[in-house]
Amino acid sequence: MHLFDFLFNNKSAQKAAPKTVKKPVRQKCETIEGVPVIYKKHVFSKNIRITPKADGTVLVTLPKNVPYACAKDFVLKNIDWIKKNAVAKNNTPADIIEKRRHLAHKILPKRLNELAEKHGFKYRKLFIKNQKTVWGSCSYQNNINLNLNLVALDDEFIDYVILHELTHTVHKNHQKAFYDLLKKNMPNALEIQKKLKKIKISNLN
């Protein structure tokens, strides 16, 4: 991935930087035209650098004495290049990831609660993440992680992953007792599991 660099005059940057006695904030985040942008100040940076990241975000590093407003102006001037290159390694555009994230927060918590209540499961917290290799997981504290990309799949896959992780709140392994309980609540679980294994997160559009 090529980096788009903007060489910055340090003397001009020092004049432009606002004087303050407070410790400067070293990181700032915002979304510009659907692209999540993270600004980070670094003591060793000599220029403003734009780097598309694997998760669909764009990292903008800048010298510690350069105002964030200056970095944002540079981002806006190059927004077309950024939108073209703000692509995760799985070829999913950043704006699609953000749309899935928004949809996932509307759909997944509701469906998780419905299935947990229906089948008598209890969990602690739900975390929705943009994971690259797994559809879900359950911690030993019964916190459940669900991949936001689930919303790009059919409902049967969403229900399978949710029930799979809810079953882990009872059985922490994949032994017979785990699958007996999973199939009790979802008789076609193994069939859906086989189909899900053929779907790669990196291939989702």
N, C-alpha and C. Protein backbone atom coordinates (compact mmCIF):
# COMPACT_ATOMS: atom_id res chain seq x y z
N MET A 1 0.86 -1.19 0.00
CA MET A 1 0.00 0.00 0.00
C MET A 1 0.90 1.24 0.00
N HIS A 2 0.70 2.13 -0.97
CA HIS A 2 1.51 3.33 -1.03
C HIS A 2 1.04 4.34 0.01
N LEU A 3 1.97 5.08 0.55
CA LEU A 3 1.64 6.13 1.51
C LEU A 3 1.62 7.46 0.77
N PHE A 4 0.73 8.33 1.20
CA PHE A 4 0.61 9.64 0.59
C PHE A 4 1.15 10.64 1.60
N ASP A 5 2.30 11.18 1.30
CA ASP A 5 2.99 12.04 2.26
C ASP A 5 2.89 13.50 1.85
N PHE A 6 2.81 14.34 2.86
CA PHE A 6 2.81 15.76 2.64
C PHE A 6 3.96 16.34 3.44
N LEU A 7 5.02 16.75 2.78
CA LEU A 7 6.17 17.29 3.48
C LEU A 7 5.80 18.64 4.07
N PHE A 8 6.14 18.79 5.31
CA PHE A 8 5.68 19.96 6.04
C PHE A 8 6.86 20.78 6.51
N ASN A 9 6.77 22.07 6.39
CA ASN A 9 7.83 22.96 6.86
C ASN A 9 7.70 23.13 8.36
N ASN A 10 8.72 22.66 9.10
CA ASN A 10 8.64 22.67 10.55
C ASN A 10 8.57 24.09 11.11
N LYS A 11 9.26 25.03 10.47
CA LYS A 11 9.23 26.40 10.99
C LYS A 11 7.85 27.00 10.84
N SER A 12 7.23 26.76 9.69
CA SER A 12 5.87 27.27 9.47
C SER A 12 4.91 26.61 10.42
N ALA A 13 5.13 25.32 10.67
CA ALA A 13 4.25 24.58 11.57
C ALA A 13 4.33 25.13 12.97
N GLN A 14 5.55 25.52 13.38
CA GLN A 14 5.72 26.05 14.73
C GLN A 14 4.98 27.37 14.88
N LYS A 15 4.99 28.20 13.81
CA LYS A 15 4.28 29.47 13.87
C LYS A 15 2.78 29.25 13.89
N ALA A 16 2.33 28.21 13.16
CA ALA A 16 0.89 27.96 13.07
C ALA A 16 0.34 27.29 14.31
N ALA A 17 1.20 26.62 15.07
CA ALA A 17 0.72 25.88 16.23
C ALA A 17 0.26 26.83 17.32
N PRO A 18 -0.91 26.62 17.90
CA PRO A 18 -1.41 27.48 18.97
C PRO A 18 -0.62 27.28 20.24
N LYS A 19 -0.40 28.38 20.93
CA LYS A 19 0.32 28.31 22.19
C LYS A 19 -0.63 27.91 23.30
N THR A 20 -0.21 26.99 24.11
CA THR A 20 -1.04 26.54 25.22
C THR A 20 -0.17 25.97 26.31
N VAL A 21 -0.60 26.11 27.52
CA VAL A 21 0.16 25.58 28.66
C VAL A 21 -0.33 24.18 29.00
N LYS A 22 -1.42 23.76 28.38
CA LYS A 22 -1.96 22.44 28.66
C LYS A 22 -1.24 21.39 27.82
N LYS A 23 -1.21 20.17 28.32
CA LYS A 23 -0.62 19.07 27.59
C LYS A 23 -1.48 18.75 26.38
N PRO A 24 -0.90 18.78 25.16
CA PRO A 24 -1.71 18.57 23.95
C PRO A 24 -2.27 17.16 23.86
N VAL A 25 -3.45 17.07 23.24
CA VAL A 25 -4.04 15.77 22.99
C VAL A 25 -3.27 15.10 21.86
N ARG A 26 -2.92 13.84 22.03
CA ARG A 26 -2.08 13.15 21.06
C ARG A 26 -2.87 12.35 20.04
N GLN A 27 -4.19 12.25 20.21
CA GLN A 27 -4.99 11.48 19.26
C GLN A 27 -6.37 12.07 19.13
N LYS A 28 -6.90 12.05 17.93
CA LYS A 28 -8.23 12.56 17.65
C LYS A 28 -8.85 11.71 16.56
N CYS A 29 -10.16 11.48 16.65
CA CYS A 29 -10.85 10.65 15.66
C CYS A 29 -12.07 11.38 15.11
N GLU A 30 -12.35 11.17 13.85
CA GLU A 30 -13.56 11.70 13.23
C GLU A 30 -13.82 10.93 11.93
N THR A 31 -15.03 11.08 11.41
CA THR A 31 -15.39 10.45 10.15
C THR A 31 -15.58 11.52 9.10
N ILE A 32 -14.88 11.38 7.99
CA ILE A 32 -14.95 12.36 6.90
C ILE A 32 -15.45 11.66 5.64
N GLU A 33 -16.63 12.05 5.19
CA GLU A 33 -17.25 11.46 4.00
C GLU A 33 -17.26 9.94 4.05
N GLY A 34 -17.65 9.42 5.22
CA GLY A 34 -17.78 7.98 5.39
C GLY A 34 -16.50 7.25 5.73
N VAL A 35 -15.38 7.96 5.80
CA VAL A 35 -14.10 7.32 6.10
C VAL A 35 -13.69 7.64 7.53
N PRO A 36 -13.51 6.62 8.39
CA PRO A 36 -13.04 6.86 9.76
C PRO A 36 -11.58 7.30 9.73
N VAL A 37 -11.30 8.48 10.27
CA VAL A 37 -9.95 9.02 10.26
C VAL A 37 -9.43 9.15 11.69
N ILE A 38 -8.23 8.64 11.92
CA ILE A 38 -7.59 8.73 13.23
C ILE A 38 -6.34 9.58 13.08
N TYR A 39 -6.29 10.69 13.82
CA TYR A 39 -5.11 11.55 13.81
C TYR A 39 -4.24 11.20 15.01
N LYS A 40 -2.95 11.06 14.78
CA LYS A 40 -2.02 10.80 15.87
C LYS A 40 -0.80 11.69 15.73
N LYS A 41 -0.49 12.39 16.82
CA LYS A 41 0.73 13.20 16.85
C LYS A 41 1.88 12.33 17.34
N HIS A 42 3.03 12.52 16.68
CA HIS A 42 4.19 11.71 17.03
C HIS A 42 5.43 12.60 17.11
N VAL A 43 6.20 12.42 18.15
CA VAL A 43 7.35 13.27 18.40
C VAL A 43 8.39 13.17 17.30
N PHE A 44 8.45 12.03 16.61
CA PHE A 44 9.47 11.84 15.58
C PHE A 44 8.96 12.14 14.17
N SER A 45 7.69 12.48 14.03
CA SER A 45 7.15 12.77 12.70
C SER A 45 7.67 14.11 12.19
N LYS A 46 8.04 14.14 10.91
CA LYS A 46 8.53 15.37 10.29
C LYS A 46 7.58 15.85 9.20
N ASN A 47 6.57 15.08 8.93
CA ASN A 47 5.60 15.45 7.88
C ASN A 47 4.25 14.83 8.21
N ILE A 48 3.22 15.27 7.52
CA ILE A 48 1.90 14.69 7.65
C ILE A 48 1.84 13.48 6.72
N ARG A 49 1.42 12.35 7.27
CA ARG A 49 1.39 11.11 6.49
C ARG A 49 0.01 10.45 6.60
N ILE A 50 -0.52 10.04 5.49
CA ILE A 50 -1.82 9.37 5.44
C ILE A 50 -1.60 7.90 5.11
N THR A 51 -2.10 7.01 5.98
CA THR A 51 -1.90 5.57 5.79
C THR A 51 -3.22 4.82 5.90
N PRO A 52 -3.73 4.24 4.82
CA PRO A 52 -4.92 3.38 4.92
C PRO A 52 -4.58 2.12 5.72
N LYS A 53 -5.43 1.76 6.67
CA LYS A 53 -5.19 0.60 7.53
C LYS A 53 -6.04 -0.59 7.12
N ALA A 54 -5.65 -1.76 7.63
CA ALA A 54 -6.32 -3.00 7.25
C ALA A 54 -7.77 -3.07 7.72
N ASP A 55 -8.13 -2.32 8.76
CA ASP A 55 -9.50 -2.39 9.28
C ASP A 55 -10.43 -1.39 8.62
N GLY A 56 -9.93 -0.71 7.57
CA GLY A 56 -10.78 0.24 6.85
C GLY A 56 -10.65 1.66 7.32
N THR A 57 -9.93 1.89 8.42
CA THR A 57 -9.71 3.25 8.89
C THR A 57 -8.50 3.85 8.17
N VAL A 58 -8.33 5.16 8.35
CA VAL A 58 -7.18 5.86 7.78
C VAL A 58 -6.42 6.53 8.92
N LEU A 59 -5.14 6.23 9.03
CA LEU A 59 -4.30 6.82 10.07
C LEU A 59 -3.57 8.02 9.50
N VAL A 60 -3.69 9.15 10.19
CA VAL A 60 -2.99 10.37 9.80
C VAL A 60 -2.01 10.72 10.92
N THR A 61 -0.73 10.58 10.65
CA THR A 61 0.28 10.94 11.64
C THR A 61 0.81 12.32 11.30
N LEU A 62 1.12 13.10 12.33
CA LEU A 62 1.58 14.46 12.12
C LEU A 62 2.56 14.87 13.22
N PRO A 63 3.42 15.84 12.96
CA PRO A 63 4.35 16.31 13.98
C PRO A 63 3.59 16.87 15.17
N LYS A 64 4.21 16.78 16.33
CA LYS A 64 3.51 17.19 17.55
C LYS A 64 3.17 18.68 17.58
N ASN A 65 3.90 19.50 16.81
CA ASN A 65 3.65 20.94 16.84
C ASN A 65 2.76 21.41 15.69
N VAL A 66 2.14 20.47 14.97
CA VAL A 66 1.24 20.83 13.88
C VAL A 66 -0.21 20.74 14.37
N PRO A 67 -1.02 21.77 14.16
CA PRO A 67 -2.42 21.73 14.61
C PRO A 67 -3.22 20.66 13.88
N TYR A 68 -4.20 20.08 14.57
CA TYR A 68 -5.07 19.09 13.95
C TYR A 68 -5.83 19.70 12.77
N ALA A 69 -6.17 20.99 12.88
CA ALA A 69 -6.92 21.65 11.82
C ALA A 69 -6.13 21.65 10.51
N CYS A 70 -4.81 21.78 10.63
CA CYS A 70 -3.97 21.77 9.44
C CYS A 70 -3.97 20.38 8.79
N ALA A 71 -3.91 19.35 9.64
CA ALA A 71 -3.94 17.97 9.13
C ALA A 71 -5.29 17.67 8.48
N LYS A 72 -6.36 18.18 9.08
CA LYS A 72 -7.69 17.95 8.51
C LYS A 72 -7.81 18.62 7.15
N ASP A 73 -7.27 19.84 7.01
CA ASP A 73 -7.31 20.52 5.72
C ASP A 73 -6.60 19.69 4.65
N PHE A 74 -5.49 19.08 5.04
CA PHE A 74 -4.75 18.25 4.11
C PHE A 74 -5.56 17.01 3.72
N VAL A 75 -6.25 16.44 4.70
CA VAL A 75 -7.11 15.28 4.43
C VAL A 75 -8.21 15.66 3.45
N LEU A 76 -8.85 16.80 3.67
CA LEU A 76 -9.94 17.24 2.80
C LEU A 76 -9.45 17.50 1.37
N LYS A 77 -8.25 18.02 1.24
CA LYS A 77 -7.71 18.29 -0.09
C LYS A 77 -7.44 17.00 -0.86
N ASN A 78 -7.20 15.93 -0.11
CA ASN A 78 -6.85 14.65 -0.74
C ASN A 78 -7.90 13.58 -0.49
N ILE A 79 -9.14 13.99 -0.24
CA ILE A 79 -10.19 13.05 0.14
C ILE A 79 -10.50 12.06 -0.99
N ASP A 80 -10.35 12.47 -2.24
CA ASP A 80 -10.62 11.54 -3.35
C ASP A 80 -9.61 10.40 -3.35
N TRP A 81 -8.34 10.74 -3.16
CA TRP A 81 -7.30 9.70 -3.08
C TRP A 81 -7.54 8.80 -1.88
N ILE A 82 -7.93 9.41 -0.76
CA ILE A 82 -8.16 8.64 0.47
C ILE A 82 -9.31 7.67 0.28
N LYS A 83 -10.42 8.12 -0.28
CA LYS A 83 -11.58 7.25 -0.47
C LYS A 83 -11.27 6.12 -1.44
N LYS A 84 -10.42 6.39 -2.39
CA LYS A 84 -10.03 5.36 -3.34
C LYS A 84 -9.15 4.30 -2.69
N ASN A 85 -8.32 4.73 -1.74
CA ASN A 85 -7.36 3.83 -1.12
C ASN A 85 -7.74 3.39 0.29
N ALA A 86 -8.83 3.94 0.83
CA ALA A 86 -9.26 3.55 2.18
C ALA A 86 -9.99 2.22 2.10
N VAL A 87 -9.23 1.19 1.81
CA VAL A 87 -9.78 -0.15 1.61
C VAL A 87 -9.05 -1.12 2.51
N ALA A 88 -9.82 -1.95 3.21
CA ALA A 88 -9.20 -2.96 4.06
C ALA A 88 -8.53 -4.01 3.20
N LYS A 89 -7.67 -4.83 3.80
CA LYS A 89 -6.97 -5.87 3.07
C LYS A 89 -7.94 -6.90 2.49
N ASN A 90 -9.15 -6.92 3.05
CA ASN A 90 -10.14 -7.85 2.50
C ASN A 90 -10.97 -7.20 1.39
N ASN A 91 -10.48 -6.05 0.88
CA ASN A 91 -11.12 -5.35 -0.24
C ASN A 91 -12.51 -4.83 0.10
N THR A 92 -12.80 -4.60 1.35
CA THR A 92 -14.08 -4.03 1.76
C THR A 92 -13.91 -2.53 1.99
N PRO A 93 -14.60 -1.68 1.24
CA PRO A 93 -14.47 -0.24 1.41
C PRO A 93 -14.86 0.19 2.83
N ALA A 94 -14.20 1.23 3.29
CA ALA A 94 -14.42 1.70 4.65
C ALA A 94 -15.87 2.12 4.90
N ASP A 95 -16.50 2.70 3.88
CA ASP A 95 -17.89 3.15 4.09
C ASP A 95 -18.84 1.97 4.27
N ILE A 96 -18.53 0.84 3.59
CA ILE A 96 -19.37 -0.35 3.77
C ILE A 96 -19.20 -0.90 5.17
N ILE A 97 -17.98 -0.90 5.68
CA ILE A 97 -17.72 -1.37 7.04
C ILE A 97 -18.50 -0.54 8.05
N GLU A 98 -18.51 0.78 7.84
CA GLU A 98 -19.24 1.65 8.76
C GLU A 98 -20.74 1.41 8.70
N LYS A 99 -21.26 1.14 7.51
CA LYS A 99 -22.68 0.83 7.37
C LYS A 99 -23.02 -0.48 8.07
N ARG A 100 -22.13 -1.47 7.92
CA ARG A 100 -22.35 -2.74 8.61
C ARG A 100 -22.27 -2.57 10.11
N ARG A 101 -21.34 -1.73 10.56
CA ARG A 101 -21.22 -1.49 12.00
C ARG A 101 -22.51 -0.89 12.56
N HIS A 102 -23.04 0.09 11.85
CA HIS A 102 -24.29 0.73 12.28
C HIS A 102 -25.43 -0.28 12.30
N LEU A 103 -25.54 -1.08 11.25
CA LEU A 103 -26.60 -2.08 11.16
C LEU A 103 -26.42 -3.17 12.22
N ALA A 104 -25.18 -3.57 12.46
CA ALA A 104 -24.91 -4.62 13.44
C ALA A 104 -25.35 -4.20 14.83
N HIS A 105 -25.15 -2.93 15.17
CA HIS A 105 -25.54 -2.45 16.50
C HIS A 105 -27.07 -2.37 16.64
N LYS A 106 -27.77 -2.34 15.53
CA LYS A 106 -29.22 -2.34 15.59
C LYS A 106 -29.79 -3.76 15.63
N ILE A 107 -29.14 -4.68 14.93
CA ILE A 107 -29.69 -6.03 14.78
C ILE A 107 -29.16 -7.03 15.80
N LEU A 108 -27.86 -7.09 15.97
CA LEU A 108 -27.25 -8.18 16.75
C LEU A 108 -27.62 -8.17 18.24
N PRO A 109 -27.60 -7.02 18.93
CA PRO A 109 -27.98 -7.05 20.36
C PRO A 109 -29.41 -7.54 20.56
N LYS A 110 -30.31 -7.09 19.69
CA LYS A 110 -31.71 -7.50 19.81
C LYS A 110 -31.87 -9.00 19.59
N ARG A 111 -31.20 -9.52 18.54
CA ARG A 111 -31.33 -10.94 18.25
C ARG A 111 -30.66 -11.79 19.32
N LEU A 112 -29.54 -11.32 19.85
CA LEU A 112 -28.86 -12.04 20.94
C LEU A 112 -29.77 -12.15 22.16
N ASN A 113 -30.42 -11.07 22.51
CA ASN A 113 -31.33 -11.10 23.66
C ASN A 113 -32.51 -12.01 23.42
N GLU A 114 -33.04 -12.00 22.21
CA GLU A 114 -34.18 -12.86 21.88
C GLU A 114 -33.82 -14.33 22.02
N LEU A 115 -32.68 -14.73 21.46
CA LEU A 115 -32.29 -16.13 21.51
C LEU A 115 -31.86 -16.55 22.91
N ALA A 116 -31.22 -15.66 23.63
CA ALA A 116 -30.81 -15.98 25.01
C ALA A 116 -32.04 -16.20 25.88
N GLU A 117 -33.03 -15.34 25.73
CA GLU A 117 -34.26 -15.47 26.52
C GLU A 117 -35.05 -16.72 26.11
N LYS A 118 -35.11 -16.98 24.82
CA LYS A 118 -35.87 -18.12 24.32
C LYS A 118 -35.31 -19.45 24.81
N HIS A 119 -33.97 -19.56 24.87
CA HIS A 119 -33.35 -20.83 25.21
C HIS A 119 -32.73 -20.87 26.61
N GLY A 120 -32.97 -19.81 27.39
CA GLY A 120 -32.54 -19.82 28.78
C GLY A 120 -31.06 -19.61 29.02
N PHE A 121 -30.40 -18.86 28.14
CA PHE A 121 -28.98 -18.56 28.33
C PHE A 121 -28.80 -17.22 29.02
N LYS A 122 -27.67 -17.07 29.69
CA LYS A 122 -27.31 -15.80 30.30
C LYS A 122 -25.88 -15.44 29.91
N TYR A 123 -25.67 -14.19 29.59
CA TYR A 123 -24.33 -13.71 29.25
C TYR A 123 -24.11 -12.38 29.94
N ARG A 124 -22.85 -11.93 29.98
CA ARG A 124 -22.55 -10.67 30.68
C ARG A 124 -22.67 -9.46 29.75
N LYS A 125 -21.76 -9.36 28.80
CA LYS A 125 -21.73 -8.20 27.92
C LYS A 125 -21.58 -8.64 26.47
N LEU A 126 -22.00 -7.77 25.57
CA LEU A 126 -21.83 -8.01 24.14
C LEU A 126 -20.88 -6.96 23.57
N PHE A 127 -19.93 -7.42 22.75
CA PHE A 127 -19.02 -6.53 22.05
C PHE A 127 -19.13 -6.84 20.55
N ILE A 128 -19.29 -5.80 19.75
CA ILE A 128 -19.39 -5.95 18.31
C ILE A 128 -18.11 -5.42 17.68
N LYS A 129 -17.41 -6.28 16.95
CA LYS A 129 -16.10 -5.92 16.43
C LYS A 129 -15.98 -6.26 14.94
N ASN A 130 -15.02 -5.60 14.31
CA ASN A 130 -14.71 -5.91 12.91
C ASN A 130 -13.55 -6.90 12.92
N GLN A 131 -13.88 -8.18 13.10
CA GLN A 131 -12.86 -9.22 13.19
C GLN A 131 -12.57 -9.81 11.82
N LYS A 132 -11.33 -10.25 11.62
CA LYS A 132 -10.88 -10.69 10.31
C LYS A 132 -11.04 -12.19 10.07
N THR A 133 -11.01 -12.98 11.15
CA THR A 133 -10.96 -14.43 10.96
C THR A 133 -12.06 -15.21 11.68
N VAL A 134 -12.71 -14.61 12.66
CA VAL A 134 -13.74 -15.35 13.41
C VAL A 134 -15.05 -14.60 13.38
N TRP A 135 -16.15 -15.38 13.41
CA TRP A 135 -17.49 -14.77 13.40
C TRP A 135 -17.95 -14.40 14.80
N GLY A 136 -17.40 -15.06 15.80
CA GLY A 136 -17.81 -14.76 17.17
C GLY A 136 -16.93 -15.49 18.16
N SER A 137 -17.06 -15.12 19.42
CA SER A 137 -16.32 -15.80 20.49
C SER A 137 -17.01 -15.52 21.81
N CYS A 138 -16.67 -16.35 22.81
CA CYS A 138 -17.24 -16.20 24.15
C CYS A 138 -16.12 -16.36 25.15
N SER A 139 -15.96 -15.40 26.04
CA SER A 139 -14.88 -15.45 27.02
C SER A 139 -15.29 -16.30 28.21
N TYR A 140 -14.33 -16.60 29.08
CA TYR A 140 -14.63 -17.38 30.27
C TYR A 140 -15.52 -16.59 31.24
N GLN A 141 -15.57 -15.28 31.06
CA GLN A 141 -16.48 -14.45 31.88
C GLN A 141 -17.85 -14.32 31.23
N ASN A 142 -18.07 -15.07 30.16
CA ASN A 142 -19.33 -15.07 29.40
C ASN A 142 -19.63 -13.73 28.73
N ASN A 143 -18.56 -13.03 28.33
CA ASN A 143 -18.72 -11.88 27.45
C ASN A 143 -18.70 -12.40 26.01
N ILE A 144 -19.62 -11.93 25.21
CA ILE A 144 -19.75 -12.43 23.84
C ILE A 144 -19.27 -11.37 22.85
N ASN A 145 -18.45 -11.80 21.89
CA ASN A 145 -18.00 -10.95 20.79
C ASN A 145 -18.68 -11.43 19.51
N LEU A 146 -19.25 -10.51 18.77
CA LEU A 146 -19.86 -10.85 17.48
C LEU A 146 -19.24 -9.98 16.39
N ASN A 147 -18.99 -10.59 15.26
CA ASN A 147 -18.39 -9.90 14.13
C ASN A 147 -19.45 -9.05 13.43
N LEU A 148 -19.17 -7.77 13.23
CA LEU A 148 -20.14 -6.88 12.60
C LEU A 148 -20.47 -7.32 11.17
N ASN A 149 -19.58 -8.10 10.53
CA ASN A 149 -19.82 -8.57 9.17
C ASN A 149 -20.90 -9.65 9.09
N LEU A 150 -21.38 -10.10 10.24
CA LEU A 150 -22.48 -11.06 10.24
C LEU A 150 -23.71 -10.52 9.54
N VAL A 151 -23.90 -9.20 9.60
CA VAL A 151 -25.10 -8.62 9.00
C VAL A 151 -25.10 -8.72 7.48
N ALA A 152 -23.96 -9.12 6.90
CA ALA A 152 -23.90 -9.33 5.45
C ALA A 152 -24.34 -10.73 5.07
N LEU A 153 -24.64 -11.56 6.06
CA LEU A 153 -25.04 -12.96 5.82
C LEU A 153 -26.55 -13.15 6.02
N ASP A 154 -27.04 -14.31 5.62
CA ASP A 154 -28.45 -14.66 5.83
C ASP A 154 -28.72 -14.86 7.32
N ASP A 155 -29.98 -14.75 7.69
CA ASP A 155 -30.37 -14.84 9.10
C ASP A 155 -29.97 -16.16 9.76
N GLU A 156 -29.98 -17.25 8.99
CA GLU A 156 -29.66 -18.55 9.58
C GLU A 156 -28.22 -18.59 10.09
N PHE A 157 -27.32 -17.88 9.43
CA PHE A 157 -25.93 -17.84 9.87
C PHE A 157 -25.79 -16.96 11.12
N ILE A 158 -26.53 -15.87 11.15
CA ILE A 158 -26.50 -15.00 12.33
C ILE A 158 -26.98 -15.78 13.55
N ASP A 159 -28.11 -16.48 13.40
CA ASP A 159 -28.65 -17.26 14.52
C ASP A 159 -27.70 -18.37 14.94
N TYR A 160 -27.06 -19.00 13.96
CA TYR A 160 -26.12 -20.08 14.30
C TYR A 160 -24.96 -19.54 15.13
N VAL A 161 -24.34 -18.46 14.69
CA VAL A 161 -23.19 -17.91 15.42
C VAL A 161 -23.60 -17.47 16.82
N ILE A 162 -24.75 -16.82 16.92
CA ILE A 162 -25.22 -16.37 18.23
C ILE A 162 -25.47 -17.56 19.15
N LEU A 163 -26.16 -18.58 18.65
CA LEU A 163 -26.44 -19.75 19.48
C LEU A 163 -25.15 -20.52 19.81
N HIS A 164 -24.23 -20.54 18.88
CA HIS A 164 -22.94 -21.18 19.12
C HIS A 164 -22.24 -20.52 20.31
N GLU A 165 -22.20 -19.19 20.32
CA GLU A 165 -21.52 -18.48 21.41
C GLU A 165 -22.33 -18.55 22.71
N LEU A 166 -23.63 -18.53 22.62
CA LEU A 166 -24.44 -18.68 23.83
C LEU A 166 -24.24 -20.06 24.45
N THR A 167 -24.08 -21.07 23.61
CA THR A 167 -23.83 -22.42 24.12
C THR A 167 -22.51 -22.48 24.87
N HIS A 168 -21.56 -21.65 24.46
CA HIS A 168 -20.27 -21.59 25.15
C HIS A 168 -20.38 -20.97 26.55
N THR A 169 -21.49 -20.32 26.85
CA THR A 169 -21.66 -19.83 28.22
C THR A 169 -21.90 -20.99 29.18
N VAL A 170 -22.27 -22.15 28.62
CA VAL A 170 -22.49 -23.35 29.42
C VAL A 170 -21.33 -24.33 29.28
N HIS A 171 -20.90 -24.54 28.04
CA HIS A 171 -19.80 -25.47 27.75
C HIS A 171 -18.68 -24.70 27.05
N LYS A 172 -17.50 -24.66 27.66
CA LYS A 172 -16.40 -23.86 27.14
C LYS A 172 -15.58 -24.57 26.07
N ASN A 173 -15.94 -25.77 25.71
CA ASN A 173 -15.18 -26.51 24.70
C ASN A 173 -16.14 -26.97 23.60
N HIS A 174 -15.62 -27.77 22.68
CA HIS A 174 -16.44 -28.29 21.58
C HIS A 174 -16.62 -29.80 21.69
N GLN A 175 -16.76 -30.26 22.89
CA GLN A 175 -16.97 -31.69 23.09
C GLN A 175 -18.45 -32.04 22.88
N LYS A 176 -18.78 -33.32 23.08
CA LYS A 176 -20.11 -33.83 22.76
C LYS A 176 -21.23 -33.05 23.46
N ALA A 177 -21.02 -32.71 24.71
CA ALA A 177 -22.06 -31.99 25.47
C ALA A 177 -22.38 -30.64 24.83
N PHE A 178 -21.35 -30.00 24.30
CA PHE A 178 -21.56 -28.71 23.63
C PHE A 178 -22.47 -28.89 22.42
N TYR A 179 -22.14 -29.84 21.56
CA TYR A 179 -22.92 -30.02 20.33
C TYR A 179 -24.32 -30.59 20.61
N ASP A 180 -24.44 -31.37 21.67
CA ASP A 180 -25.76 -31.87 22.03
C ASP A 180 -26.69 -30.72 22.39
N LEU A 181 -26.16 -29.77 23.16
CA LEU A 181 -26.98 -28.62 23.56
C LEU A 181 -27.25 -27.70 22.37
N LEU A 182 -26.23 -27.51 21.54
CA LEU A 182 -26.41 -26.65 20.36
C LEU A 182 -27.48 -27.22 19.44
N LYS A 183 -27.41 -28.53 19.16
CA LYS A 183 -28.38 -29.17 18.26
C LYS A 183 -29.77 -29.24 18.88
N LYS A 184 -29.83 -29.26 20.21
CA LYS A 184 -31.14 -29.25 20.87
C LYS A 184 -31.87 -27.94 20.56
N ASN A 185 -31.13 -26.86 20.55
CA ASN A 185 -31.73 -25.55 20.29
C ASN A 185 -31.76 -25.20 18.81
N MET A 186 -30.93 -25.87 18.02
CA MET A 186 -30.89 -25.62 16.58
C MET A 186 -30.57 -26.93 15.88
N PRO A 187 -31.58 -27.72 15.56
CA PRO A 187 -31.38 -29.07 15.00
C PRO A 187 -30.51 -29.12 13.75
N ASN A 188 -30.53 -28.09 12.93
CA ASN A 188 -29.74 -28.09 11.69
C ASN A 188 -28.41 -27.34 11.86
N ALA A 189 -27.93 -27.24 13.08
CA ALA A 189 -26.72 -26.46 13.38
C ALA A 189 -25.51 -26.95 12.59
N LEU A 190 -25.30 -28.25 12.53
CA LEU A 190 -24.12 -28.78 11.84
C LEU A 190 -24.16 -28.53 10.34
N GLU A 191 -25.36 -28.56 9.79
CA GLU A 191 -25.52 -28.26 8.37
C GLU A 191 -25.15 -26.81 8.08
N ILE A 192 -25.62 -25.92 8.93
CA ILE A 192 -25.32 -24.49 8.76
C ILE A 192 -23.83 -24.24 9.01
N GLN A 193 -23.27 -24.96 9.97
CA GLN A 193 -21.85 -24.81 10.28
C GLN A 193 -20.99 -25.12 9.06
N LYS A 194 -21.33 -26.20 8.35
CA LYS A 194 -20.57 -26.59 7.16
C LYS A 194 -20.65 -25.49 6.09
N LYS A 195 -21.82 -24.92 5.92
CA LYS A 195 -21.97 -23.86 4.91
C LYS A 195 -21.21 -22.60 5.32
N LEU A 196 -21.23 -22.30 6.62
CA LEU A 196 -20.54 -21.10 7.11
C LEU A 196 -19.03 -21.21 6.94
N LYS A 197 -18.50 -22.41 7.09
CA LYS A 197 -17.05 -22.60 6.94
C LYS A 197 -16.56 -22.29 5.53
N LYS A 198 -17.47 -22.33 4.57
CA LYS A 198 -17.10 -22.04 3.19
C LYS A 198 -17.12 -20.54 2.89
N ILE A 199 -17.62 -19.76 3.83
CA ILE A 199 -17.70 -18.31 3.64
C ILE A 199 -16.52 -17.64 4.33
N LYS A 200 -15.73 -16.93 3.57
CA LYS A 200 -14.58 -16.22 4.12
C LYS A 200 -14.92 -14.75 4.32
N ILE A 201 -14.59 -14.25 5.48
CA ILE A 201 -14.86 -12.83 5.77
C ILE A 201 -14.19 -11.95 4.74
N SER A 202 -13.00 -12.34 4.31
CA SER A 202 -12.22 -11.53 3.35
C SER A 202 -12.88 -11.45 1.98
N ASN A 203 -13.82 -12.35 1.71
CA ASN A 203 -14.48 -12.36 0.39
C ASN A 203 -15.80 -11.60 0.37
N LEU A 204 -16.23 -11.10 1.52
CA LEU A 204 -17.50 -10.36 1.57
C LEU A 204 -17.34 -9.01 0.87
N ASN A 205 -18.34 -8.64 0.11
CA ASN A 205 -18.32 -7.35 -0.59
C ASN A 205 -19.21 -6.34 0.11
